[in-house]
Amino acid sequence: MSTISAANISDGTDTVGTEYVVNGSARAYVSHQFSTTIHDSFNTSSVSDLGTGMARQVYVSAMATDENVATGNTQGGAHNTTFIFCEITFVTAAQREWNTGMSYSSGSNTLADNSTVHTAFGELA
């Protein structure tokens, strides 16, 4: 295997330090709408609908460990009446699962099929 050593990478317009490529870039991401529609992704082989408000993302290339950082964000809701939540429920080196839903000002919580965006950081296997 060949090794290239460089302090910066440039496309002719923008320049970034290689430490961001090696250490700081997302290793996987997915923009997802339930019913398994993937709007945009990187290192994602599939998304499965596990039921109302529950889904699973499977990586093309696995992470080195189960202790990778998984973040998620969901979209939707009504101003001042609902809080939209995204809970990462299960993370392994090969996949992650999550729940999304709504928490209402009345105090009730409901799982719901919200659009979500997820990012994973960590070392690839």
C-alpha atoms as a PDB file:
ATOM      1  CA  MET A   1       0.000   0.000   0.000  1.00  0.00           C
ATOM      2  CA  SER A   2       1.277   3.470  -0.881  1.00  0.00           C
ATOM      3  CA  THR A   3       1.287   6.397   1.519  1.00  0.00           C
ATOM      4  CA  ILE A   4       0.858  10.043   0.562  1.00  0.00           C
ATOM      5  CA  SER A   5       1.982  12.640   3.097  1.00  0.00           C
ATOM      6  CA  ALA A   6       0.602  16.167   2.793  1.00  0.00           C
ATOM      7  CA  ALA A   7      -0.316  18.964   5.171  1.00  0.00           C
ATOM      8  CA  ASN A   8      -3.230  20.246   3.062  1.00  0.00           C
ATOM      9  CA  ILE A   9      -5.581  19.092   0.316  1.00  0.00           C
ATOM     10  CA  SER A  10      -6.940  21.558  -2.255  1.00  0.00           C
ATOM     11  CA  ASP A  11      -9.402  21.396  -5.137  1.00  0.00           C
ATOM     12  CA  GLY A  12      -7.987  24.635  -6.547  1.00  0.00           C
ATOM     13  CA  THR A  13     -10.566  26.792  -4.769  1.00  0.00           C
ATOM     14  CA  ASP A  14     -10.815  25.483  -1.201  1.00  0.00           C
ATOM     15  CA  THR A  15      -8.045  24.087   0.981  1.00  0.00           C
ATOM     16  CA  VAL A  16      -8.431  21.895   4.047  1.00  0.00           C
ATOM     17  CA  GLY A  17      -5.858  20.442   6.424  1.00  0.00           C
ATOM     18  CA  THR A  18      -5.429  16.673   6.115  1.00  0.00           C
ATOM     19  CA  GLU A  19      -6.113  16.255   9.855  1.00  0.00           C
ATOM     20  CA  TYR A  20      -9.783  16.993   9.076  1.00  0.00           C
ATOM     21  CA  VAL A  21      -9.856  14.279   6.439  1.00  0.00           C
ATOM     22  CA  VAL A  22      -8.070  11.751   8.645  1.00  0.00           C
ATOM     23  CA  ASN A  23      -9.609  12.595  12.032  1.00  0.00           C
ATOM     24  CA  GLY A  24     -12.628  14.839  11.692  1.00  0.00           C
ATOM     25  CA  SER A  25     -14.814  13.872   8.760  1.00  0.00           C
ATOM     26  CA  ALA A  26     -18.065  12.005   9.117  1.00  0.00           C
ATOM     27  CA  ARG A  27     -17.636   8.302   8.368  1.00  0.00           C
ATOM     28  CA  ALA A  28     -21.314   7.878   7.450  1.00  0.00           C
ATOM     29  CA  TYR A  29     -24.403  10.015   7.039  1.00  0.00           C
ATOM     30  CA  VAL A  30     -27.950   9.640   5.775  1.00  0.00           C
ATOM     31  CA  SER A  31     -30.836  12.004   5.093  1.00  0.00           C
ATOM     32  CA  HIS A  32     -33.902   9.776   5.383  1.00  0.00           C
ATOM     33  CA  GLN A  33     -37.669   9.877   5.031  1.00  0.00           C
ATOM     34  CA  PHE A  34     -39.577   6.892   6.385  1.00  0.00           C
ATOM     35  CA  SER A  35     -40.697   4.188   3.960  1.00  0.00           C
ATOM     36  CA  THR A  36     -36.936   3.723   3.353  1.00  0.00           C
ATOM     37  CA  THR A  37     -36.494   6.746   1.059  1.00  0.00           C
ATOM     38  CA  ILE A  38     -32.867   7.913   1.224  1.00  0.00           C
ATOM     39  CA  HIS A  39     -32.469  11.511   0.042  1.00  0.00           C
ATOM     40  CA  ASP A  40     -28.676  11.654   0.412  1.00  0.00           C
ATOM     41  CA  SER A  41     -26.098   9.390   2.019  1.00  0.00           C
ATOM     42  CA  PHE A  42     -22.483   8.389   2.425  1.00  0.00           C
ATOM     43  CA  ASN A  43     -21.303   4.925   3.530  1.00  0.00           C
ATOM     44  CA  THR A  44     -24.934   3.784   3.824  1.00  0.00           C
ATOM     45  CA  SER A  45     -26.046   0.553   2.178  1.00  0.00           C
ATOM     46  CA  SER A  46     -29.677   0.660   3.348  1.00  0.00           C
ATOM     47  CA  VAL A  47     -32.265   2.060   5.738  1.00  0.00           C
ATOM     48  CA  SER A  48     -34.976  -0.237   7.113  1.00  0.00           C
ATOM     49  CA  ASP A  49     -38.337   0.861   8.486  1.00  0.00           C
ATOM     50  CA  LEU A  50     -38.731  -1.051  11.786  1.00  0.00           C
ATOM     51  CA  GLY A  51     -42.205   0.309  12.559  1.00  0.00           C
ATOM     52  CA  THR A  52     -43.754   3.697  13.273  1.00  0.00           C
ATOM     53  CA  GLY A  53     -40.950   6.085  14.214  1.00  0.00           C
ATOM     54  CA  MET A  54     -38.244   3.363  14.270  1.00  0.00           C
ATOM     55  CA  ALA A  55     -35.520   2.756  11.678  1.00  0.00           C
ATOM     56  CA  ARG A  56     -32.112   1.148  11.079  1.00  0.00           C
ATOM     57  CA  GLN A  57     -29.173   2.395   8.975  1.00  0.00           C
ATOM     58  CA  VAL A  58     -26.652  -0.198   7.767  1.00  0.00           C
ATOM     59  CA  TYR A  59     -23.139   0.956   6.828  1.00  0.00           C
ATOM     60  CA  VAL A  60     -21.302  -0.097   3.650  1.00  0.00           C
ATOM     61  CA  SER A  61     -17.980  -0.068   5.560  1.00  0.00           C
ATOM     62  CA  ALA A  62     -18.221  -0.916   9.254  1.00  0.00           C
ATOM     63  CA  MET A  63     -16.749   1.158  12.054  1.00  0.00           C
ATOM     64  CA  ALA A  64     -13.795  -0.208  14.012  1.00  0.00           C
ATOM     65  CA  THR A  65     -15.829  -0.530  17.248  1.00  0.00           C
ATOM     66  CA  ASP A  66     -19.366  -0.295  18.605  1.00  0.00           C
ATOM     67  CA  GLU A  67     -18.306   2.871  20.481  1.00  0.00           C
ATOM     68  CA  ASN A  68     -18.585   5.215  17.490  1.00  0.00           C
ATOM     69  CA  VAL A  69     -20.350   8.557  17.882  1.00  0.00           C
ATOM     70  CA  ALA A  70     -23.854   8.567  16.395  1.00  0.00           C
ATOM     71  CA  THR A  71     -25.914  11.741  16.152  1.00  0.00           C
ATOM     72  CA  GLY A  72     -29.406  12.318  14.790  1.00  0.00           C
ATOM     73  CA  ASN A  73     -31.786  15.139  14.090  1.00  0.00           C
ATOM     74  CA  THR A  74     -35.428  15.052  13.035  1.00  0.00           C
ATOM     75  CA  GLN A  75     -37.591  17.604  11.252  1.00  0.00           C
ATOM     76  CA  GLY A  76     -41.239  18.646  11.557  1.00  0.00           C
ATOM     77  CA  GLY A  77     -43.567  19.692  14.337  1.00  0.00           C
ATOM     78  CA  ALA A  78     -45.564  22.793  15.097  1.00  0.00           C
ATOM     79  CA  HIS A  79     -44.108  25.932  16.686  1.00  0.00           C
ATOM     80  CA  ASN A  80     -44.697  26.106  20.476  1.00  0.00           C
ATOM     81  CA  THR A  81     -46.932  23.024  20.584  1.00  0.00           C
ATOM     82  CA  THR A  82     -44.642  20.066  19.890  1.00  0.00           C
ATOM     83  CA  PHE A  83     -41.084  19.007  20.524  1.00  0.00           C
ATOM     84  CA  ILE A  84     -39.634  16.648  17.900  1.00  0.00           C
ATOM     85  CA  PHE A  85     -37.217  14.046  19.244  1.00  0.00           C
ATOM     86  CA  CYS A  86     -34.697  11.643  17.773  1.00  0.00           C
ATOM     87  CA  GLU A  87     -33.305   8.967  20.075  1.00  0.00           C
ATOM     88  CA  ILE A  88     -30.379   6.795  18.995  1.00  0.00           C
ATOM     89  CA  THR A  89     -31.349   3.416  20.465  1.00  0.00           C
ATOM     90  CA  PHE A  90     -28.796   0.859  19.291  1.00  0.00           C
ATOM     91  CA  VAL A  91     -25.313   1.341  17.787  1.00  0.00           C
ATOM     92  CA  THR A  92     -22.906  -1.339  16.567  1.00  0.00           C
ATOM     93  CA  ALA A  93     -19.872  -1.220  14.280  1.00  0.00           C
ATOM     94  CA  ALA A  94     -22.099  -2.187  11.330  1.00  0.00           C
ATOM     95  CA  GLN A  95     -25.333  -0.229  11.941  1.00  0.00           C
ATOM     96  CA  ARG A  96     -27.417   2.070  14.131  1.00  0.00           C
ATOM     97  CA  GLU A  97     -31.090   2.237  15.062  1.00  0.00           C
ATOM     98  CA  TRP A  98     -33.224   5.184  16.142  1.00  0.00           C
ATOM     99  CA  ASN A  99     -36.671   6.313  17.244  1.00  0.00           C
ATOM    100  CA  THR A 100     -38.298   9.599  16.217  1.00  0.00           C
ATOM    101  CA  GLY A 101     -41.482  11.178  17.404  1.00  0.00           C
ATOM    102  CA  MET A 102     -43.303  14.070  18.960  1.00  0.00           C
ATOM    103  CA  SER A 103     -43.640  15.240  22.521  1.00  0.00           C
ATOM    104  CA  TYR A 104     -46.714  17.444  22.919  1.00  0.00           C
ATOM    105  CA  SER A 105     -47.222  20.352  25.313  1.00  0.00           C
ATOM    106  CA  SER A 106     -50.026  18.256  26.868  1.00  0.00           C
ATOM    107  CA  GLY A 107     -47.344  15.850  28.118  1.00  0.00           C
ATOM    108  CA  SER A 108     -47.997  12.938  25.760  1.00  0.00           C
ATOM    109  CA  ASN A 109     -45.255  11.366  23.621  1.00  0.00           C
ATOM    110  CA  THR A 110     -45.849   9.595  20.308  1.00  0.00           C
ATOM    111  CA  LEU A 111     -43.515   7.829  17.902  1.00  0.00           C
ATOM    112  CA  ALA A 112     -43.859   9.309  14.405  1.00  0.00           C
ATOM    113  CA  ASP A 113     -42.309   8.847  10.957  1.00  0.00           C
ATOM    114  CA  ASN A 114     -40.381  12.129  10.779  1.00  0.00           C
ATOM    115  CA  SER A 115     -37.656  13.000   8.271  1.00  0.00           C
ATOM    116  CA  THR A 116     -34.258  12.487   9.883  1.00  0.00           C
ATOM    117  CA  VAL A 117     -30.596  13.279   9.265  1.00  0.00           C
ATOM    118  CA  HIS A 118     -27.887  11.165  10.923  1.00  0.00           C
ATOM    119  CA  THR A 119     -24.097  11.356  11.106  1.00  0.00           C
ATOM    120  CA  ALA A 120     -21.580   8.854  12.463  1.00  0.00           C
ATOM    121  CA  PHE A 121     -18.028   9.615  13.542  1.00  0.00           C
ATOM    122  CA  GLY A 122     -15.337   7.109  14.431  1.00  0.00           C
ATOM    123  CA  GLU A 123     -12.591   5.002  12.943  1.00  0.00           C
ATOM    124  CA  LEU A 124     -13.481   2.700  10.074  1.00  0.00           C
ATOM    125  CA  ALA A 125     -12.538  -0.969  10.423  1.00  0.00           C
END
